[in-house]
Each structure stands twice: as C-alpha cells, then as structure tokens.
Amino acid sequence: MQRLHWGDTKWSSPAVTVAMACVAITVGTALCDCRADADDESAISRIAAGTLISPDGLRGWSDVVLVATPKVTDGEVSEVSQMVLRYAAMLTTVIAADAHEVQGQYQLRRIGIGMAVADGENFRIVSDRDGEAGLGMIGRQVLQAAEQSLDRVTVALRLATAIVIDSPALVAVGKQHEKVVARHLIWVQPKSGSVSSAVWFIRGGESPEVVDGQGMFLPENFRETRHLHVDVGEFFLGIPGPNAFAMQGLPPGKPFPLAAPHAAAACATPLTIDDFKSLAQYLSAAASRQ
C-alpha cells in the first residue's frame, strides 16, 4: 500500500521517470501478453462502500490515483445559497488502481472508482446502493446523481500495463458549461510497480478534438481541490439542474500539448492498439522535454 500525498504535487522523481513510464507502456503494448478489450467490465470496479482513504492509501487497492474534492469558486457564487454550495462540495471523487506482480513484472489488474465523504482527516466511500450512506434526503439525491454518472464510465482500452477510461464531464468554457469526455490514461511501470496517470478532455462531434489542445500528467497519489464554476441560469426555483456546476479546466499537473496529428489518436473511439502505441510514444517524448 503506497502512501497518499495529501495536497502536494509530489513527483516520485524528475520528469525522466514519467518518460520512462510512458516508454514502458509502449514496450508493454508491443511485447507483453496484452488484452485489448473495450468496455471490459472486469477492468473497472466500484470501490466498496465503507472503505477509508487515509494518508496510507485504501484497503484492497495498491494505489490511490486521484482524490478530487470539489469547491465552488467561480461564476455567480454569491447568488447561490450556502446549502446548495455545501451539497455541491459534499462528494469527493476517488480513482484507485490495483497493480500486482506476475512473474516479476507488474500488471494493472483493474481500476476502482467511487464517491466519498469527509470522515475526520480521512475520506469514506459511500454508496446509495448499500442503504447506509447516512446523508439525509437531499444528500442521498446528490449521491444518486453522482453514482449515475459513475455508471457511465467506460473502458476505452485495456492492456496488461495500462487502462484507459472515459467518463462524462462538464467543463466551463468561458461562462458556458460544455459536455465533454474526460479520458484518463492510467499505467503501471512493469519493473517498479509505480502507477502514474494522465488526463485530457475530448469534445465530441463529427470531428472530435482535445479541449484547449492539451492534456495533463498528474502527480502520483494525487489529492486535488476541484474548482467548480456555477451557472445560475441552470437553476430552477433555486434548485440546480444537472448542468449547473462545471469543472474549471484540467486538474493541476504537468501539461503537455495534444495537437494534430497526435490529437486524433488521443480522441479515437474506439481506441485501438495502434492508436495507443502512437500516443504512448508521443507522451514519452513530451515528458522527456519537461
């Protein structure tokens, strides 16, 4: 179980390590006994309700990838009631990884996702499905909506050393809230077992594109304050609609450009092994330049 770095942007080593990890993906894609299954249900699991996320990690998973706690900081915040702001910031998104060693090489068994609430200095995974969330009527409705969003997370590609997942997201573009896909690439370095990740937003349509033309390498075991933008035009009688709150851009990390021709591979749906190999080679080069 690896230690979770609360609130900092710790990199386990300089950018060369990130580059080498990306190289490891490329090698693993080309040479390992890889799986290339999209929508593979075994590649993504819900983290069990009641699981605690502490500075030491979380039970049943090798690594914490991301702990994102929302905070409404932008838009017409002063026009929104404190109760609505409190519920908007109630649930923390958690992504975990389960890496394990097979014959001296680490593989990525599965990705875990879940919603959590603050529990003292830690976080506790909650689910409306177990009937024990204890969040009250309004809190339960917020949790139900969040879990419906988790239901729409899909696997874009699964390999022995990497999993790519797509999740629906709302991002603030100026003052407008736009529906996008957040694509997370999560991989394990075969020799060390170190787990790393990157993320970018995909704008759909006939010609999909990477929002703002960039992605982000995330720190390992990363806790993020996720800044949200509020649009009161998406409220009805003081009640926020499903598009009322949107992310203010990518999580903080180390940015990398995703312009043509690499953006095509980054946006590909379905994502093929050839797309992935091309993307991994590019990300390795991008990391080495940082």
Protein backbone atom coordinates (compact mmCIF):
# COMPACT_ATOMS: atom_id res chain seq x y z
CA MET A 1 0.00 0.00 0.00
CA GLN A 2 1.55 3.29 -1.08
CA ARG A 3 1.43 6.48 0.93
CA LEU A 4 -1.04 9.12 -0.22
CA HIS A 5 0.39 12.61 -0.58
CA TRP A 6 -2.23 14.98 0.77
CA GLY A 7 -2.50 18.24 -1.09
CA ASP A 8 1.00 18.38 -2.56
CA THR A 9 2.15 17.81 -6.12
CA LYS A 10 4.82 15.23 -5.34
CA TRP A 11 6.59 13.62 -8.26
CA SER A 12 8.39 10.43 -7.26
CA SER A 13 11.36 11.57 -9.39
CA PRO A 14 12.11 14.04 -12.18
CA ALA A 15 10.22 14.09 -15.46
CA VAL A 16 12.54 11.40 -16.82
CA THR A 17 10.69 8.88 -14.65
CA VAL A 18 7.40 9.85 -16.27
CA ALA A 19 9.03 9.50 -19.67
CA MET A 20 10.41 6.08 -18.80
CA ALA A 21 6.99 5.00 -17.55
CA CYS A 22 5.48 6.03 -20.88
CA VAL A 23 8.23 4.11 -22.68
CA ALA A 24 7.33 1.10 -20.54
CA ILE A 25 3.75 1.34 -21.82
CA THR A 26 4.98 1.29 -25.40
CA VAL A 27 7.20 -1.70 -24.77
CA GLY A 28 4.41 -3.47 -22.90
CA THR A 29 1.99 -2.82 -25.71
CA ALA A 30 4.36 -4.26 -28.28
CA LEU A 31 5.78 -7.22 -26.40
CA CYS A 32 3.61 -8.28 -23.46
CA ASP A 33 0.69 -10.68 -23.44
CA CYS A 34 -1.77 -7.78 -23.69
CA ARG A 35 -5.51 -7.56 -23.59
CA ALA A 36 -7.18 -5.01 -25.84
CA ASP A 37 -10.76 -5.11 -24.65
CA ALA A 38 -13.00 -2.06 -24.67
CA ASP A 39 -15.90 -1.98 -22.21
CA ASP A 40 -14.31 -4.83 -20.26
CA GLU A 41 -16.36 -4.89 -17.07
CA SER A 42 -13.57 -6.62 -15.14
CA ALA A 43 -11.22 -3.69 -15.80
CA ILE A 44 -13.24 -1.24 -13.71
CA SER A 45 -14.91 -1.78 -10.33
CA ARG A 46 -16.71 0.20 -7.68
CA ILE A 47 -14.69 0.72 -4.53
CA ALA A 48 -16.58 -0.93 -1.68
CA ALA A 49 -18.74 1.32 0.48
CA GLY A 50 -17.18 1.97 3.87
CA THR A 51 -13.60 1.87 2.55
CA LEU A 52 -11.46 4.53 4.19
CA ILE A 53 -8.98 6.62 2.20
CA SER A 54 -6.23 7.69 4.58
CA PRO A 55 -2.68 9.03 4.19
CA ASP A 56 -1.64 5.35 3.94
CA GLY A 57 -3.92 4.63 0.96
CA LEU A 58 -7.02 2.40 0.91
CA ARG A 59 -7.56 -1.24 1.69
CA GLY A 60 -7.89 -3.63 -1.23
CA TRP A 61 -6.10 -1.38 -3.75
CA SER A 62 -2.40 -0.89 -4.38
CA ASP A 63 -2.54 2.80 -5.27
CA VAL A 64 -4.66 5.91 -4.98
CA VAL A 65 -4.67 7.63 -8.37
CA LEU A 66 -6.84 10.66 -7.63
CA VAL A 67 -8.88 12.10 -4.76
CA ALA A 68 -10.78 15.14 -6.12
CA THR A 69 -12.75 17.25 -3.65
CA PRO A 70 -14.97 19.90 -5.30
CA LYS A 71 -15.20 23.53 -4.27
CA VAL A 72 -17.41 26.11 -5.98
CA THR A 73 -15.12 29.09 -6.58
CA ASP A 74 -16.13 30.67 -9.89
CA GLY A 75 -19.23 32.07 -11.58
CA GLU A 76 -22.20 33.59 -9.77
CA VAL A 77 -21.26 32.11 -6.41
CA SER A 78 -22.80 34.94 -4.38
CA GLU A 79 -26.23 34.20 -5.87
CA VAL A 80 -26.23 30.60 -4.68
CA SER A 81 -27.43 29.57 -1.21
CA GLN A 82 -24.95 28.18 1.28
CA MET A 83 -26.94 24.95 1.47
CA VAL A 84 -26.59 24.39 -2.29
CA LEU A 85 -22.89 25.20 -2.16
CA ARG A 86 -22.45 22.72 0.68
CA TYR A 87 -24.14 19.90 -1.19
CA ALA A 88 -22.23 20.74 -4.39
CA ALA A 89 -18.99 20.18 -2.47
CA MET A 90 -20.18 17.18 -0.46
CA LEU A 91 -18.88 14.31 -2.58
CA THR A 92 -15.26 13.57 -3.39
CA THR A 93 -14.39 11.53 -6.49
CA VAL A 94 -11.89 8.73 -5.93
CA ILE A 95 -9.94 6.75 -8.53
CA ALA A 96 -7.78 3.83 -7.37
CA ALA A 97 -5.60 1.24 -9.09
CA ASP A 98 -4.90 -2.41 -8.40
CA ALA A 99 -1.41 -3.29 -9.65
CA HIS A 100 0.05 -6.72 -8.93
CA GLU A 101 3.21 -8.64 -9.74
CA VAL A 102 3.11 -11.53 -12.19
CA GLN A 103 6.34 -13.46 -12.75
CA GLY A 104 8.49 -10.48 -11.81
CA GLN A 105 6.55 -7.92 -13.87
CA TYR A 106 3.81 -5.64 -12.61
CA GLN A 107 0.46 -5.55 -14.38
CA LEU A 108 -2.59 -3.37 -13.91
CA ARG A 109 -5.43 -5.64 -12.83
CA ARG A 110 -8.25 -3.09 -12.56
CA ILE A 111 -9.28 0.49 -11.83
CA GLY A 112 -11.57 1.42 -8.94
CA ILE A 113 -13.97 4.35 -8.85
CA GLY A 114 -16.21 5.68 -6.11
CA MET A 115 -17.68 8.65 -4.29
CA ALA A 116 -16.53 9.57 -0.79
CA VAL A 117 -17.36 11.95 2.04
CA ALA A 118 -15.07 13.51 4.60
CA ASP A 119 -14.54 11.36 7.69
CA GLY A 120 -12.35 13.29 10.09
CA GLU A 121 -8.99 13.70 8.36
CA ASN A 122 -9.80 10.84 6.00
CA PHE A 123 -12.45 10.06 3.39
CA ARG A 124 -15.00 7.25 3.42
CA ILE A 125 -16.51 5.68 0.30
CA VAL A 126 -20.31 5.88 0.27
CA SER A 127 -22.94 4.33 -1.96
CA ASP A 128 -26.70 4.74 -2.00
CA ARG A 129 -26.88 1.10 -3.01
CA ASP A 130 -25.87 -0.14 0.43
CA GLY A 131 -28.53 1.96 2.17
CA GLU A 132 -26.08 3.10 4.84
CA ALA A 133 -24.74 6.36 3.42
CA GLY A 134 -26.42 8.42 6.15
CA LEU A 135 -26.53 11.63 4.10
CA GLY A 136 -30.17 12.63 4.56
CA MET A 137 -32.80 13.00 1.86
CA ILE A 138 -31.10 15.75 -0.17
CA GLY A 139 -27.66 14.24 0.26
CA ARG A 140 -28.98 10.91 -0.93
CA GLN A 141 -30.37 12.52 -4.08
CA VAL A 142 -26.98 14.14 -4.75
CA LEU A 143 -25.29 10.78 -4.25
CA GLN A 144 -27.74 9.01 -6.56
CA ALA A 145 -26.98 11.50 -9.34
CA ALA A 146 -23.24 11.09 -8.78
CA GLU A 147 -23.48 7.30 -8.93
CA GLN A 148 -25.47 7.50 -12.16
CA SER A 149 -22.51 9.41 -13.58
CA LEU A 150 -20.16 6.65 -12.41
CA ASP A 151 -22.39 4.15 -14.21
CA ARG A 152 -21.46 5.90 -17.47
CA VAL A 153 -17.71 5.46 -17.02
CA THR A 154 -16.44 3.09 -19.72
CA VAL A 155 -13.20 1.34 -20.61
CA ALA A 156 -11.71 2.67 -23.86
CA LEU A 157 -8.78 0.24 -23.90
CA ARG A 158 -7.30 -2.37 -21.58
CA LEU A 159 -3.75 -3.67 -21.76
CA ALA A 160 -1.59 -5.66 -19.37
CA THR A 161 0.11 -2.48 -18.10
CA ALA A 162 -2.45 0.25 -18.83
CA ILE A 163 -6.16 1.01 -18.75
CA VAL A 164 -7.85 3.95 -20.46
CA ILE A 165 -11.23 5.03 -19.07
CA ASP A 166 -13.72 7.59 -20.35
CA SER A 167 -16.09 9.47 -18.07
CA PRO A 168 -18.71 12.13 -18.79
CA ALA A 169 -17.78 15.58 -17.53
CA LEU A 170 -18.88 19.20 -17.64
CA VAL A 171 -16.19 21.80 -18.23
CA ALA A 172 -16.51 25.58 -18.11
CA VAL A 173 -15.53 27.20 -21.40
CA GLY A 174 -15.78 30.89 -20.70
CA LYS A 175 -19.16 31.22 -18.97
CA GLN A 176 -20.68 28.26 -20.80
CA HIS A 177 -20.81 24.70 -19.49
CA GLU A 178 -19.89 22.15 -22.11
CA LYS A 179 -20.38 18.38 -22.05
CA VAL A 180 -17.10 16.57 -22.73
CA VAL A 181 -15.45 13.23 -22.11
CA ALA A 182 -12.64 13.08 -19.56
CA ARG A 183 -10.19 10.44 -20.78
CA HIS A 184 -7.89 9.05 -18.08
CA LEU A 185 -4.82 7.04 -19.00
CA ILE A 186 -3.56 5.02 -16.02
CA TRP A 187 -0.49 2.81 -16.26
CA VAL A 188 1.94 0.81 -14.14
CA GLN A 189 5.68 0.64 -14.68
CA PRO A 190 6.39 -3.10 -15.10
CA LYS A 191 9.64 -3.21 -13.13
CA SER A 192 8.91 -0.89 -10.20
CA GLY A 193 5.13 -1.16 -9.91
CA SER A 194 4.83 2.64 -9.83
CA VAL A 195 1.41 3.83 -11.01
CA SER A 196 1.04 7.07 -12.99
CA SER A 197 -1.77 8.83 -14.84
CA ALA A 198 -2.65 11.49 -17.37
CA VAL A 199 -5.94 13.10 -18.36
CA TRP A 200 -7.42 15.21 -21.16
CA PHE A 201 -10.88 16.38 -22.24
CA ILE A 202 -12.43 15.30 -25.53
CA ARG A 203 -15.00 17.45 -27.30
CA GLY A 204 -17.31 15.24 -29.36
CA GLY A 205 -18.98 15.75 -32.72
CA GLU A 206 -18.15 14.75 -36.26
CA SER A 207 -14.51 15.73 -35.72
CA PRO A 208 -13.61 15.11 -32.06
CA GLU A 209 -10.88 17.31 -30.63
CA VAL A 210 -8.91 17.75 -27.44
CA VAL A 211 -10.28 20.69 -25.43
CA ASP A 212 -7.70 23.51 -25.28
CA GLY A 213 -5.27 21.29 -27.21
CA GLN A 214 -3.56 19.89 -24.12
CA GLY A 215 -3.55 17.14 -21.53
CA MET A 216 -2.04 16.86 -18.07
CA PHE A 217 0.37 14.44 -16.39
CA LEU A 218 -0.93 14.12 -12.82
CA PRO A 219 1.19 13.69 -9.69
CA GLU A 220 1.19 10.23 -8.21
CA ASN A 221 -1.30 9.58 -5.40
CA PHE A 222 -2.82 12.97 -6.02
CA ARG A 223 -5.33 14.88 -3.94
CA GLU A 224 -6.96 17.73 -5.84
CA THR A 225 -9.22 20.61 -4.87
CA ARG A 226 -11.52 20.54 -7.90
CA HIS A 227 -12.59 24.11 -8.63
CA LEU A 228 -16.12 24.40 -9.99
CA HIS A 229 -17.90 27.13 -11.95
CA VAL A 230 -21.58 27.74 -11.22
CA ASP A 231 -24.15 28.94 -13.76
CA VAL A 232 -27.34 30.19 -12.06
CA GLY A 233 -29.06 30.11 -15.44
CA GLU A 234 -29.14 26.33 -14.92
CA PHE A 235 -31.20 26.69 -11.72
CA PHE A 236 -35.00 26.35 -11.47
CA LEU A 237 -36.72 27.80 -8.40
CA GLY A 238 -33.39 27.83 -6.58
CA ILE A 239 -32.67 24.19 -7.38
CA PRO A 240 -29.58 23.41 -9.51
CA GLY A 241 -30.07 21.40 -12.68
CA PRO A 242 -27.66 18.72 -13.92
CA ASN A 243 -25.57 21.30 -15.84
CA ALA A 244 -25.32 23.89 -13.06
CA PHE A 245 -21.75 23.10 -11.98
CA ALA A 246 -18.74 22.53 -14.23
CA MET A 247 -15.03 21.87 -13.79
CA GLN A 248 -12.68 24.79 -14.24
CA GLY A 249 -10.28 23.09 -16.62
CA LEU A 250 -7.98 20.12 -16.13
CA PRO A 251 -6.58 19.13 -12.73
CA PRO A 252 -3.24 20.76 -11.91
CA GLY A 253 -0.16 18.87 -13.01
CA LYS A 254 2.41 18.95 -15.81
CA PRO A 255 0.74 19.99 -19.10
CA PHE A 256 1.59 18.55 -22.49
CA PRO A 257 0.30 19.63 -25.92
CA LEU A 258 -2.14 17.39 -27.77
CA ALA A 259 -2.44 18.93 -31.21
CA ALA A 260 -2.64 17.30 -34.65
CA PRO A 261 -1.67 14.65 -35.59
CA HIS A 262 -1.48 13.20 -32.05
CA ALA A 263 -4.90 14.57 -31.07
CA ALA A 264 -6.55 12.10 -33.47
CA ALA A 265 -5.12 9.14 -31.53
CA ALA A 266 -5.96 10.80 -28.22
CA CYS A 267 -9.61 11.20 -29.26
CA ALA A 268 -10.06 7.90 -31.10
CA THR A 269 -13.20 5.96 -30.23
CA PRO A 270 -12.81 3.05 -30.28
CA LEU A 271 -9.19 3.39 -29.19
CA THR A 272 -7.07 0.79 -31.00
CA ILE A 273 -3.69 -0.62 -30.02
CA ASP A 274 -2.12 1.24 -32.94
CA ASP A 275 -3.68 4.49 -31.68
CA PHE A 276 -2.38 3.75 -28.22
CA LYS A 277 1.17 2.91 -29.33
CA SER A 278 1.36 6.14 -31.30
CA LEU A 279 0.03 8.12 -28.34
CA ALA A 280 2.37 6.44 -25.83
CA GLN A 281 5.42 7.19 -27.97
CA TYR A 282 4.37 10.81 -28.23
CA LEU A 283 3.70 11.13 -24.47
CA SER A 284 7.12 9.66 -23.72
CA ALA A 285 8.76 12.31 -25.90
CA ALA A 286 6.57 15.07 -24.39
CA ALA A 287 7.52 14.05 -20.85
CA SER A 288 11.23 13.97 -21.66
CA ARG A 289 11.06 17.60 -22.79
CA GLN A 290 9.67 18.83 -19.44
